[in-house]
């Protein structure tokens, strides 16, 4: 089992740290925010089923502890970046802030960097180019959690994306999850930019579905269509499926989906008309909610 420092102080970090501790690793959860230090046993102010119980059990077993960054001894060989990425004014991820937090966490004892924070494509590659001088590889394990089901998803994920640019690092990261005993078909092993793009493309698809559903609902409502039957009719088509996020509802806001869509808009010199339209529809629904 490995000694792992998980960096962060919100949902992603708590779930990642709890899950890794459940697998038997020795985990320290490091609060990176100097302005909001932990003075007592930290409690995540979210209703995440099973999370508190998992943390309490791991603490009692001595597999998990908490520390502020300024008090951390940096003895762990694996640094796992799991901060909830802050946003720029346009809603895109603030990669400079993430890089700064990572730089503060890495020390001469670091042997491996794993990044689960939501970062724009190319970020992990840039971090590896910096850390490779010290012989420290970088891996990307994009977060795949959903509020209310995060621990369930950690224990039995639909897929487990492991991005690294060499086989040795890919294998080392995969070995950290051996205790999950999930089928090999659930592993998606690739290089760093592919892992980042899987996360971007997933959220772009989900955001597209949400904007599509709200656009269809707008038209349907104007013609007196029963939205529940419309939804059922769509889901009955196997090409769409029962799990598709096509229920009309509120817009997605500043969190995961919007952040990745903004990152895709800024990822290259290519135009992104589909992404642009998804955000335009979403912004309109958001404005209508506020009016």
Protein backbone atom coordinates (compact mmCIF):
# COMPACT_ATOMS: atom_id res chain seq x y z
CA UNK A 1 0.00 0.00 0.00
CA UNK A 2 1.10 3.56 -0.73
CA UNK A 3 1.36 6.80 1.19
CA UNK A 4 -0.72 9.41 -0.61
CA UNK A 5 -1.29 13.11 0.01
CA UNK A 6 -4.60 14.32 -1.45
CA UNK A 7 -4.58 18.08 -1.95
CA UNK A 8 -7.92 19.89 -1.66
CA UNK A 9 -10.66 20.85 0.75
CA UNK A 10 -13.97 20.23 -0.99
CA UNK A 11 -16.08 17.45 -2.50
CA UNK A 12 -13.55 15.98 -4.94
CA UNK A 13 -10.77 15.87 -2.36
CA UNK A 14 -12.88 14.35 0.41
CA UNK A 15 -14.29 11.63 -1.83
CA UNK A 16 -10.90 10.84 -3.38
CA UNK A 17 -9.19 10.67 0.02
CA UNK A 18 -11.97 8.54 1.54
CA UNK A 19 -11.96 6.15 -1.39
CA UNK A 20 -8.19 5.70 -1.44
CA UNK A 21 -8.16 5.11 2.32
CA UNK A 22 -10.86 2.46 1.89
CA UNK A 23 -8.50 0.69 -0.51
CA UNK A 24 -5.92 0.46 2.28
CA UNK A 25 -3.61 3.33 1.39
CA UNK A 26 -2.27 5.69 4.05
CA UNK A 27 -3.88 8.99 3.15
CA UNK A 28 -3.40 12.53 4.39
CA UNK A 29 -5.93 15.10 3.20
CA UNK A 30 -4.13 18.44 2.86
CA UNK A 31 -6.07 21.71 2.98
CA UNK A 32 -4.42 23.98 0.40
CA UNK A 33 -6.35 27.13 1.40
CA UNK A 34 -4.24 29.16 3.83
CA UNK A 35 -7.11 31.64 4.25
CA UNK A 36 -9.45 28.95 5.59
CA UNK A 37 -7.32 26.64 7.76
CA UNK A 38 -8.81 23.64 9.50
CA UNK A 39 -8.79 24.09 13.26
CA UNK A 40 -10.76 20.96 14.12
CA UNK A 41 -11.76 17.72 12.45
CA UNK A 42 -13.07 19.00 9.08
CA UNK A 43 -16.63 18.29 8.06
CA UNK A 44 -17.81 18.58 4.47
CA UNK A 45 -21.04 20.56 4.44
CA UNK A 46 -22.66 18.37 1.80
CA UNK A 47 -25.02 15.44 2.08
CA UNK A 48 -22.93 12.74 0.40
CA UNK A 49 -24.23 9.28 1.39
CA UNK A 50 -21.56 7.07 2.94
CA UNK A 51 -18.81 9.67 2.92
CA UNK A 52 -18.78 10.56 6.62
CA UNK A 53 -19.00 6.91 7.63
CA UNK A 54 -16.11 6.02 5.34
CA UNK A 55 -13.94 8.83 6.68
CA UNK A 56 -14.69 8.01 10.32
CA UNK A 57 -13.83 4.35 9.81
CA UNK A 58 -10.55 5.16 8.04
CA UNK A 59 -9.57 7.66 10.75
CA UNK A 60 -10.20 5.04 13.45
CA UNK A 61 -8.05 2.55 11.53
CA UNK A 62 -5.26 5.11 11.25
CA UNK A 63 -5.52 5.15 7.44
CA UNK A 64 -6.56 8.79 7.10
CA UNK A 65 -5.63 12.08 8.72
CA UNK A 66 -6.07 15.80 8.04
CA UNK A 67 -3.56 18.63 7.96
CA UNK A 68 -3.20 22.21 6.74
CA UNK A 69 -0.62 22.80 4.03
CA UNK A 70 1.61 24.90 6.27
CA UNK A 71 1.82 22.07 8.83
CA UNK A 72 2.28 19.20 6.39
CA UNK A 73 5.64 17.39 6.48
CA UNK A 74 5.44 16.30 2.81
CA UNK A 75 6.57 12.76 3.60
CA UNK A 76 4.20 11.12 1.12
CA UNK A 77 5.60 9.87 -2.18
CA UNK A 78 2.39 10.41 -4.14
CA UNK A 79 0.78 13.83 -4.44
CA UNK A 80 -2.82 13.65 -5.67
CA UNK A 81 -4.21 17.00 -6.80
CA UNK A 82 -7.96 17.07 -6.11
CA UNK A 83 -8.81 20.72 -5.62
CA UNK A 84 -12.08 22.03 -7.06
CA UNK A 85 -10.63 24.22 -9.78
CA UNK A 86 -11.47 27.93 -9.40
CA UNK A 87 -13.00 29.81 -12.33
CA UNK A 88 -11.91 32.77 -14.38
CA UNK A 89 -14.45 35.54 -15.00
CA UNK A 90 -15.63 33.86 -18.22
CA UNK A 91 -16.24 30.56 -16.43
CA UNK A 92 -13.13 28.76 -17.75
CA UNK A 93 -10.83 26.89 -15.33
CA UNK A 94 -8.10 28.94 -13.68
CA UNK A 95 -5.16 26.69 -14.51
CA UNK A 96 -2.61 29.15 -13.10
CA UNK A 97 -4.17 28.82 -9.67
CA UNK A 98 -4.11 25.03 -9.97
CA UNK A 99 -0.47 25.03 -11.05
CA UNK A 100 0.44 27.25 -8.11
CA UNK A 101 -1.26 24.87 -5.65
CA UNK A 102 0.49 21.91 -7.22
CA UNK A 103 3.85 23.68 -7.04
CA UNK A 104 3.39 24.32 -3.32
CA UNK A 105 2.55 20.65 -2.71
CA UNK A 106 5.41 19.00 -4.57
CA UNK A 107 8.69 18.43 -2.72
CA UNK A 108 11.88 16.41 -3.09
CA UNK A 109 10.07 13.41 -1.60
CA UNK A 110 7.46 13.36 -4.39
CA UNK A 111 7.71 10.32 -6.66
CA UNK A 112 4.44 10.61 -8.57
CA UNK A 113 1.89 13.36 -9.29
CA UNK A 114 -1.72 12.40 -10.00
CA UNK A 115 -4.12 15.09 -11.20
CA UNK A 116 -7.89 14.70 -10.81
CA UNK A 117 -8.73 18.40 -10.70
CA UNK A 118 -10.66 19.71 -13.69
CA UNK A 119 -7.97 21.24 -15.91
CA UNK A 120 -7.85 22.36 -19.56
CA UNK A 121 -6.33 20.01 -22.11
CA UNK A 122 -2.56 20.39 -22.22
CA UNK A 123 -2.21 21.24 -18.52
CA UNK A 124 -0.98 17.82 -17.41
CA UNK A 125 1.53 17.68 -20.24
CA UNK A 126 2.93 21.06 -19.21
CA UNK A 127 3.19 19.90 -15.61
CA UNK A 128 5.07 16.77 -16.68
CA UNK A 129 7.48 18.82 -18.77
CA UNK A 130 8.31 20.78 -15.62
CA UNK A 131 8.47 17.82 -13.24
CA UNK A 132 10.32 15.48 -15.59
CA UNK A 133 13.54 17.35 -14.84
CA UNK A 134 13.26 15.95 -11.31
CA UNK A 135 12.22 12.52 -12.58
CA UNK A 136 8.64 12.86 -11.31
CA UNK A 137 6.00 11.51 -13.71
CA UNK A 138 2.50 12.95 -14.00
CA UNK A 139 -0.74 11.00 -14.37
CA UNK A 140 -4.26 12.21 -15.08
CA UNK A 141 -7.23 10.46 -13.46
CA UNK A 142 -10.22 12.67 -14.35
CA UNK A 143 -12.87 12.85 -11.65
CA UNK A 144 -16.04 10.99 -12.46
CA UNK A 145 -18.17 11.62 -9.37
CA UNK A 146 -21.71 12.90 -9.10
CA UNK A 147 -23.19 14.52 -6.03
CA UNK A 148 -25.22 12.02 -4.04
CA UNK A 149 -23.54 9.00 -5.63
CA UNK A 150 -19.85 9.80 -5.32
CA UNK A 151 -18.79 6.99 -2.98
CA UNK A 152 -20.87 4.49 -4.92
CA UNK A 153 -19.17 5.59 -8.15
CA UNK A 154 -15.69 5.42 -6.61
CA UNK A 155 -16.30 1.83 -5.51
CA UNK A 156 -17.87 0.71 -8.78
CA UNK A 157 -17.17 3.20 -11.58
CA UNK A 158 -18.59 3.02 -15.09
CA UNK A 159 -15.02 3.47 -16.22
CA UNK A 160 -11.64 4.34 -14.75
CA UNK A 161 -9.59 6.66 -16.96
CA UNK A 162 -5.84 6.54 -16.35
CA UNK A 163 -3.74 8.89 -18.42
CA UNK A 164 0.06 8.85 -18.46
CA UNK A 165 2.67 9.08 -21.16
CA UNK A 166 4.52 5.88 -20.30
CA UNK A 167 3.52 2.33 -19.46
CA UNK A 168 5.33 2.27 -16.12
CA UNK A 169 3.34 5.23 -14.78
CA UNK A 170 0.07 3.87 -16.18
CA UNK A 171 0.74 0.57 -14.39
CA UNK A 172 1.72 2.27 -11.13
CA UNK A 173 -1.52 4.25 -11.04
CA UNK A 174 -3.64 1.24 -12.02
CA UNK A 175 -2.07 -0.73 -9.17
CA UNK A 176 -3.41 1.85 -6.70
CA UNK A 177 -6.93 0.68 -7.59
CA UNK A 178 -6.30 -3.09 -7.47
CA UNK A 179 -8.48 -3.53 -4.38
CA UNK A 180 -11.51 -2.32 -6.34
CA UNK A 181 -11.52 -5.63 -8.22
CA UNK A 182 -13.33 -4.08 -11.17
CA UNK A 183 -13.32 -5.78 -14.55
CA UNK A 184 -10.43 -4.89 -16.86
CA UNK A 185 -12.90 -3.63 -19.47
CA UNK A 186 -13.67 -0.66 -17.20
CA UNK A 187 -10.09 0.63 -17.47
CA UNK A 188 -9.41 3.24 -20.13
CA UNK A 189 -5.62 3.63 -20.30
CA UNK A 190 -4.19 6.38 -22.49
CA UNK A 191 -1.78 9.30 -22.65
CA UNK A 192 -2.22 12.59 -20.79
CA UNK A 193 -4.02 14.71 -23.40
CA UNK A 194 -6.41 11.87 -24.25
CA UNK A 195 -7.40 11.51 -20.59
CA UNK A 196 -8.03 15.25 -20.34
CA UNK A 197 -10.04 15.21 -23.57
CA UNK A 198 -12.21 12.32 -22.37
CA UNK A 199 -13.29 14.54 -19.48
CA UNK A 200 -13.88 17.55 -21.76
CA UNK A 201 -15.83 15.54 -24.33
CA UNK A 202 -17.94 13.83 -21.65
CA UNK A 203 -19.02 17.11 -20.13
CA UNK A 204 -19.56 18.67 -23.55
CA UNK A 205 -21.90 15.79 -24.44
CA UNK A 206 -23.79 16.08 -21.15
CA UNK A 207 -24.08 19.84 -21.54
CA UNK A 208 -25.32 19.37 -25.10
CA UNK A 209 -28.00 16.96 -23.89
CA UNK A 210 -29.19 19.42 -21.24
CA UNK A 211 -29.40 22.33 -23.69
CA UNK A 212 -31.06 20.06 -26.26
CA UNK A 213 -33.69 18.95 -23.75
CA UNK A 214 -34.44 22.53 -22.71
CA UNK A 215 -34.64 23.67 -26.35
CA UNK A 216 -37.03 20.83 -27.24
CA UNK A 217 -39.11 21.59 -24.16
CA UNK A 218 -39.39 25.22 -25.23
CA UNK A 219 -40.80 24.23 -28.62
CA UNK A 220 -42.96 21.44 -27.20
CA UNK A 221 -44.53 23.62 -24.54
CA UNK A 222 -45.56 26.17 -27.15
CA UNK A 223 -47.54 23.41 -28.89
CA UNK A 224 -49.11 21.87 -25.79
CA UNK A 225 -46.98 18.73 -25.84
CA UNK A 226 -46.91 16.46 -22.78
CA UNK A 227 -43.24 16.70 -21.74
CA UNK A 228 -43.28 13.49 -19.70
CA UNK A 229 -44.52 11.46 -22.66
CA UNK A 230 -42.05 13.22 -24.94
CA UNK A 231 -39.21 12.21 -22.63
CA UNK A 232 -40.46 8.62 -22.40
CA UNK A 233 -40.71 8.44 -26.18
CA UNK A 234 -37.11 9.57 -26.56
CA UNK A 235 -35.79 7.16 -23.95
CA UNK A 236 -37.59 4.25 -25.62
CA UNK A 237 -35.23 4.65 -28.59
CA UNK A 238 -32.18 2.50 -27.84
CA UNK A 239 -29.95 4.98 -29.66
CA UNK A 240 -30.78 7.49 -26.92
CA UNK A 241 -31.22 5.16 -23.97
CA UNK A 242 -32.64 5.22 -20.48
CA UNK A 243 -29.71 7.02 -18.89
CA UNK A 244 -29.48 9.98 -21.25
CA UNK A 245 -29.76 13.38 -19.46
CA UNK A 246 -32.66 14.59 -21.58
CA UNK A 247 -35.14 15.70 -18.92
CA UNK A 248 -36.00 19.40 -19.33
CA UNK A 249 -35.11 21.45 -16.31
CA UNK A 250 -32.79 24.14 -15.06
CA UNK A 251 -29.59 25.24 -16.78
CA UNK A 252 -26.14 24.08 -15.77
CA UNK A 253 -24.20 26.84 -14.02
CA UNK A 254 -20.63 27.60 -12.95
CA UNK A 255 -19.57 24.10 -12.00
CA UNK A 256 -18.27 21.11 -13.87
CA UNK A 257 -20.07 21.29 -17.22
CA UNK A 258 -19.74 25.00 -17.89
CA UNK A 259 -16.09 24.96 -16.87
CA UNK A 260 -15.23 22.27 -19.43
CA UNK A 261 -17.26 23.87 -22.20
CA UNK A 262 -15.42 27.15 -21.64
CA UNK A 263 -12.12 25.26 -21.63
CA UNK A 264 -12.97 23.69 -24.99
CA UNK A 265 -13.75 27.11 -26.46
CA UNK A 266 -10.26 28.24 -25.47
CA UNK A 267 -8.42 25.00 -26.24
CA UNK A 268 -7.30 25.85 -29.78
CA UNK A 269 -7.74 28.17 -32.72
CA UNK A 270 -10.60 26.06 -34.05
CA UNK A 271 -14.15 27.33 -33.94
CA UNK A 272 -16.54 25.39 -31.70
CA UNK A 273 -20.03 26.16 -33.06
CA UNK A 274 -21.73 23.27 -31.25
CA UNK A 275 -20.22 24.22 -27.91
CA UNK A 276 -21.05 27.87 -28.57
CA UNK A 277 -24.70 26.99 -29.26
CA UNK A 278 -24.95 24.80 -26.16
CA UNK A 279 -23.75 27.67 -23.99
CA UNK A 280 -26.01 30.16 -25.78
CA UNK A 281 -29.10 28.03 -25.10
CA UNK A 282 -28.00 27.46 -21.52
CA UNK A 283 -27.40 31.16 -20.91
CA UNK A 284 -30.87 31.96 -22.26
CA UNK A 285 -32.50 29.45 -19.91
CA UNK A 286 -30.46 30.88 -17.03
CA UNK A 287 -31.58 34.41 -17.86
CA UNK A 288 -35.20 33.31 -18.06
CA UNK A 289 -34.91 31.70 -14.61
CA UNK A 290 -33.61 34.93 -13.15
CA UNK A 291 -36.25 37.14 -14.76
